[in-house]
Amino acid sequence: MPSACARFAKELADRLYNAVVLEGGYNPESRHDFANEMSRRGENNTDFYGNYFDKKRYPIDGFKPALTANNQLADVYRHILFTGGDSLHGTAGGDLENLVFRLYDWQQSARGRSESDTELADDYAGMEVGDLMYKTTMAGKSGNYEQLMKDIKYILCAF
């Protein structure tokens, strides 16, 4: 059975594909709606079904240890969705929001909050995921969503 990380990577690639590839057509602008949903889910700390990322019950098996260290556990999902969604927009607005988010985590880290070290790692991983998602959608109909899933797994999952 695939790890929770592998399932999450597949879900992100599949959901993006479903958002931009429409019944024989292609609409890269619909990535904005999906990007907004990702960011909103991250901000609300919920998955795509509205379930909270509960640290005690939401699985984290397969994620890179650096992304779940310092008792962050299921918070990895929230950070990936929030910063990934903002990066998926491919606009300065998303970059600015990510900058503010990272500065807050960096400030906490600089004050000795070890959890923020992990949050920063999660933020950067989410931005990488969002950037890859953006590039895949901008490739048009030739966007390789199978490769996207593999690339997301490479960023997030331990092997």
C-alpha atoms as a PDB file:
ATOM      1  CA  MET A   1       0.000   0.000   0.000  1.00  0.00           C
ATOM      2  CA  PRO A   2       1.383   3.436  -0.883  1.00  0.00           C
ATOM      3  CA  SER A   3       2.466   5.727   1.922  1.00  0.00           C
ATOM      4  CA  ALA A   4       0.388   8.709   3.025  1.00  0.00           C
ATOM      5  CA  CYS A   5       2.947  10.934   1.305  1.00  0.00           C
ATOM      6  CA  ALA A   6       2.648   9.040  -1.999  1.00  0.00           C
ATOM      7  CA  ARG A   7      -1.148   9.214  -1.808  1.00  0.00           C
ATOM      8  CA  PHE A   8      -0.984  12.968  -1.147  1.00  0.00           C
ATOM      9  CA  ALA A   9       1.374  13.506  -4.114  1.00  0.00           C
ATOM     10  CA  LYS A  10      -0.971  11.538  -6.369  1.00  0.00           C
ATOM     11  CA  GLU A  11      -4.001  13.427  -5.087  1.00  0.00           C
ATOM     12  CA  LEU A  12      -2.380  16.797  -5.824  1.00  0.00           C
ATOM     13  CA  ALA A  13      -1.414  15.793  -9.373  1.00  0.00           C
ATOM     14  CA  ASP A  14      -4.804  14.192 -10.041  1.00  0.00           C
ATOM     15  CA  ARG A  15      -6.773  17.140  -8.687  1.00  0.00           C
ATOM     16  CA  LEU A  16      -4.729  19.607 -10.721  1.00  0.00           C
ATOM     17  CA  TYR A  17      -5.246  17.503 -13.844  1.00  0.00           C
ATOM     18  CA  ASN A  18      -8.989  17.380 -13.194  1.00  0.00           C
ATOM     19  CA  ALA A  19      -9.035  21.141 -12.634  1.00  0.00           C
ATOM     20  CA  VAL A  20      -7.337  22.147 -15.879  1.00  0.00           C
ATOM     21  CA  VAL A  21      -8.060  19.345 -18.348  1.00  0.00           C
ATOM     22  CA  LEU A  22     -11.738  19.484 -19.171  1.00  0.00           C
ATOM     23  CA  GLU A  23     -13.589  16.888 -21.271  1.00  0.00           C
ATOM     24  CA  GLY A  24     -11.189  16.960 -24.194  1.00  0.00           C
ATOM     25  CA  GLY A  25     -10.327  20.600 -23.619  1.00  0.00           C
ATOM     26  CA  TYR A  26      -7.731  22.464 -21.628  1.00  0.00           C
ATOM     27  CA  ASN A  27      -8.127  25.574 -19.495  1.00  0.00           C
ATOM     28  CA  PRO A  28      -4.920  26.671 -17.750  1.00  0.00           C
ATOM     29  CA  GLU A  29      -6.742  29.607 -16.141  1.00  0.00           C
ATOM     30  CA  SER A  30      -8.809  27.194 -14.059  1.00  0.00           C
ATOM     31  CA  ARG A  31      -5.598  26.531 -12.117  1.00  0.00           C
ATOM     32  CA  HIS A  32      -6.410  29.754 -10.237  1.00  0.00           C
ATOM     33  CA  ASP A  33      -9.556  28.207  -8.786  1.00  0.00           C
ATOM     34  CA  PHE A  34      -7.625  25.124  -7.715  1.00  0.00           C
ATOM     35  CA  ALA A  35      -4.792  27.284  -6.344  1.00  0.00           C
ATOM     36  CA  ASN A  36      -7.331  29.227  -4.292  1.00  0.00           C
ATOM     37  CA  GLU A  37      -8.804  25.991  -2.981  1.00  0.00           C
ATOM     38  CA  MET A  38      -5.354  24.694  -1.998  1.00  0.00           C
ATOM     39  CA  SER A  39      -4.510  27.907  -0.154  1.00  0.00           C
ATOM     40  CA  ARG A  40      -7.904  28.020   1.552  1.00  0.00           C
ATOM     41  CA  ARG A  41      -7.562  24.392   2.675  1.00  0.00           C
ATOM     42  CA  GLY A  42      -4.118  25.123   4.059  1.00  0.00           C
ATOM     43  CA  GLU A  43      -5.317  28.226   5.851  1.00  0.00           C
ATOM     44  CA  ASN A  44      -8.281  26.335   7.336  1.00  0.00           C
ATOM     45  CA  ASN A  45      -6.127  23.289   8.162  1.00  0.00           C
ATOM     46  CA  THR A  46      -8.478  20.948   6.268  1.00  0.00           C
ATOM     47  CA  ASP A  47      -8.068  18.397   3.501  1.00  0.00           C
ATOM     48  CA  PHE A  48     -10.040  18.481   0.241  1.00  0.00           C
ATOM     49  CA  TYR A  49     -12.971  16.775   1.989  1.00  0.00           C
ATOM     50  CA  GLY A  50     -13.154  19.260   4.863  1.00  0.00           C
ATOM     51  CA  ASN A  51     -11.462  16.996   7.440  1.00  0.00           C
ATOM     52  CA  TYR A  52      -9.025  18.631   9.853  1.00  0.00           C
ATOM     53  CA  PHE A  53      -5.390  17.598   9.740  1.00  0.00           C
ATOM     54  CA  ASP A  54      -5.420  16.186  13.250  1.00  0.00           C
ATOM     55  CA  LYS A  55      -1.869  15.512  14.468  1.00  0.00           C
ATOM     56  CA  LYS A  56      -2.949  12.370  16.283  1.00  0.00           C
ATOM     57  CA  ARG A  57      -4.967  10.778  13.486  1.00  0.00           C
ATOM     58  CA  TYR A  58      -3.806  12.113  10.116  1.00  0.00           C
ATOM     59  CA  PRO A  59      -1.074   9.823   8.704  1.00  0.00           C
ATOM     60  CA  ILE A  60       2.393  11.136   7.920  1.00  0.00           C
ATOM     61  CA  ASP A  61       4.112   7.896   6.909  1.00  0.00           C
ATOM     62  CA  GLY A  62       6.474   8.320   3.996  1.00  0.00           C
ATOM     63  CA  PHE A  63       7.100  12.054   4.376  1.00  0.00           C
ATOM     64  CA  LYS A  64      10.710  13.214   4.639  1.00  0.00           C
ATOM     65  CA  PRO A  65      11.594  13.465   8.329  1.00  0.00           C
ATOM     66  CA  ALA A  66      12.692  17.088   7.899  1.00  0.00           C
ATOM     67  CA  LEU A  67       9.095  17.965   6.948  1.00  0.00           C
ATOM     68  CA  THR A  68       7.474  16.398  10.027  1.00  0.00           C
ATOM     69  CA  ALA A  69      10.170  16.975  12.676  1.00  0.00           C
ATOM     70  CA  ASN A  70       9.750  18.988  15.870  1.00  0.00           C
ATOM     71  CA  ASN A  71       6.278  17.559  16.453  1.00  0.00           C
ATOM     72  CA  GLN A  72       4.895  19.187  13.282  1.00  0.00           C
ATOM     73  CA  LEU A  73       3.454  15.907  12.026  1.00  0.00           C
ATOM     74  CA  ALA A  74       0.238  16.539  10.050  1.00  0.00           C
ATOM     75  CA  ASP A  75       1.002  20.266   9.823  1.00  0.00           C
ATOM     76  CA  VAL A  76       3.053  19.319   6.758  1.00  0.00           C
ATOM     77  CA  TYR A  77      -0.189  19.045   4.771  1.00  0.00           C
ATOM     78  CA  ARG A  78      -1.320  22.521   5.784  1.00  0.00           C
ATOM     79  CA  HIS A  79       1.975  24.138   4.834  1.00  0.00           C
ATOM     80  CA  ILE A  80       2.229  22.325   1.498  1.00  0.00           C
ATOM     81  CA  LEU A  81      -1.324  23.269   0.550  1.00  0.00           C
ATOM     82  CA  PHE A  82      -1.006  26.910   1.601  1.00  0.00           C
ATOM     83  CA  THR A  83       2.360  27.768   0.059  1.00  0.00           C
ATOM     84  CA  GLY A  84       1.841  25.403  -2.882  1.00  0.00           C
ATOM     85  CA  GLY A  85      -1.482  27.015  -3.703  1.00  0.00           C
ATOM     86  CA  ASP A  86       0.026  30.474  -3.614  1.00  0.00           C
ATOM     87  CA  SER A  87       2.902  29.403  -5.875  1.00  0.00           C
ATOM     88  CA  LEU A  88       0.514  27.668  -8.275  1.00  0.00           C
ATOM     89  CA  HIS A  89      -1.012  31.053  -9.088  1.00  0.00           C
ATOM     90  CA  GLY A  90       2.243  32.008 -10.770  1.00  0.00           C
ATOM     91  CA  THR A  91       1.654  35.645  -9.835  1.00  0.00           C
ATOM     92  CA  ALA A  92       3.380  38.201  -7.671  1.00  0.00           C
ATOM     93  CA  GLY A  93       0.419  38.142  -5.274  1.00  0.00           C
ATOM     94  CA  GLY A  94       1.109  34.521  -4.411  1.00  0.00           C
ATOM     95  CA  ASP A  95       4.818  35.198  -4.061  1.00  0.00           C
ATOM     96  CA  LEU A  96       4.160  38.115  -1.708  1.00  0.00           C
ATOM     97  CA  GLU A  97       1.776  36.113   0.448  1.00  0.00           C
ATOM     98  CA  ASN A  98       4.337  33.305   0.655  1.00  0.00           C
ATOM     99  CA  LEU A  99       7.013  35.830   1.616  1.00  0.00           C
ATOM    100  CA  VAL A 100       4.903  37.119   4.510  1.00  0.00           C
ATOM    101  CA  PHE A 101       4.117  33.548   5.604  1.00  0.00           C
ATOM    102  CA  ARG A 102       7.814  32.580   5.500  1.00  0.00           C
ATOM    103  CA  LEU A 103       8.912  35.741   7.299  1.00  0.00           C
ATOM    104  CA  TYR A 104       6.556  34.935  10.149  1.00  0.00           C
ATOM    105  CA  ASP A 105       7.979  31.393  10.425  1.00  0.00           C
ATOM    106  CA  TRP A 106      11.531  32.709  10.089  1.00  0.00           C
ATOM    107  CA  GLN A 107      10.942  35.258  12.839  1.00  0.00           C
ATOM    108  CA  GLN A 108       9.657  32.542  15.162  1.00  0.00           C
ATOM    109  CA  SER A 109      12.621  30.341  14.269  1.00  0.00           C
ATOM    110  CA  ALA A 110      15.080  33.153  14.962  1.00  0.00           C
ATOM    111  CA  ARG A 111      13.531  33.484  18.425  1.00  0.00           C
ATOM    112  CA  GLY A 112      14.291  29.831  19.137  1.00  0.00           C
ATOM    113  CA  ARG A 113      11.005  28.133  18.268  1.00  0.00           C
ATOM    114  CA  SER A 114      12.254  24.835  16.828  1.00  0.00           C
ATOM    115  CA  GLU A 115       8.890  23.996  15.257  1.00  0.00           C
ATOM    116  CA  SER A 116       9.355  26.979  12.962  1.00  0.00           C
ATOM    117  CA  ASP A 117      12.508  25.406  11.514  1.00  0.00           C
ATOM    118  CA  THR A 118      10.323  22.569  10.265  1.00  0.00           C
ATOM    119  CA  GLU A 119       7.599  24.967   9.158  1.00  0.00           C
ATOM    120  CA  LEU A 120      10.144  26.787   6.995  1.00  0.00           C
ATOM    121  CA  ALA A 121      11.186  23.489   5.394  1.00  0.00           C
ATOM    122  CA  ASP A 122       7.500  22.763   4.744  1.00  0.00           C
ATOM    123  CA  ASP A 123       6.979  26.248   3.278  1.00  0.00           C
ATOM    124  CA  TYR A 124       9.840  25.832   0.821  1.00  0.00           C
ATOM    125  CA  ALA A 125       8.715  22.323  -0.144  1.00  0.00           C
ATOM    126  CA  GLY A 126       5.191  23.639  -0.759  1.00  0.00           C
ATOM    127  CA  MET A 127       6.514  26.430  -2.936  1.00  0.00           C
ATOM    128  CA  GLU A 128       8.516  23.915  -4.976  1.00  0.00           C
ATOM    129  CA  VAL A 129       5.409  21.777  -5.406  1.00  0.00           C
ATOM    130  CA  GLY A 130       3.349  24.792  -6.480  1.00  0.00           C
ATOM    131  CA  ASP A 131       6.014  25.910  -8.952  1.00  0.00           C
ATOM    132  CA  LEU A 132       6.062  22.440 -10.537  1.00  0.00           C
ATOM    133  CA  MET A 133       2.277  22.416 -10.719  1.00  0.00           C
ATOM    134  CA  TYR A 134       2.346  25.813 -12.420  1.00  0.00           C
ATOM    135  CA  LYS A 135       4.929  24.680 -14.986  1.00  0.00           C
ATOM    136  CA  THR A 136       2.924  21.548 -15.728  1.00  0.00           C
ATOM    137  CA  THR A 137      -0.263  23.508 -16.410  1.00  0.00           C
ATOM    138  CA  MET A 138       1.593  26.036 -18.555  1.00  0.00           C
ATOM    139  CA  ALA A 139       2.857  23.193 -20.765  1.00  0.00           C
ATOM    140  CA  GLY A 140      -0.677  22.979 -22.119  1.00  0.00           C
ATOM    141  CA  LYS A 141      -2.073  19.681 -23.271  1.00  0.00           C
ATOM    142  CA  SER A 142       1.421  18.205 -23.254  1.00  0.00           C
ATOM    143  CA  GLY A 143       1.733  18.731 -19.475  1.00  0.00           C
ATOM    144  CA  ASN A 144       2.945  15.464 -17.954  1.00  0.00           C
ATOM    145  CA  TYR A 145       0.853  14.880 -14.825  1.00  0.00           C
ATOM    146  CA  GLU A 146       2.352  11.439 -14.216  1.00  0.00           C
ATOM    147  CA  GLN A 147       5.799  13.053 -14.036  1.00  0.00           C
ATOM    148  CA  LEU A 148       4.366  15.805 -11.846  1.00  0.00           C
ATOM    149  CA  MET A 149       3.232  13.186  -9.331  1.00  0.00           C
ATOM    150  CA  LYS A 150       6.734  11.649  -9.331  1.00  0.00           C
ATOM    151  CA  ASP A 151       8.333  15.069  -8.898  1.00  0.00           C
ATOM    152  CA  ILE A 152       6.026  15.934  -5.978  1.00  0.00           C
ATOM    153  CA  LYS A 153       6.917  12.604  -4.364  1.00  0.00           C
ATOM    154  CA  TYR A 154      10.618  13.418  -4.822  1.00  0.00           C
ATOM    155  CA  ILE A 155      10.160  16.725  -2.994  1.00  0.00           C
ATOM    156  CA  LEU A 156       7.955  15.449  -0.155  1.00  0.00           C
ATOM    157  CA  CYS A 157       8.533  11.741   0.332  1.00  0.00           C
ATOM    158  CA  ALA A 158      11.366   9.747   1.852  1.00  0.00           C
ATOM    159  CA  PHE A 159      12.608   6.820  -0.213  1.00  0.00           C
END
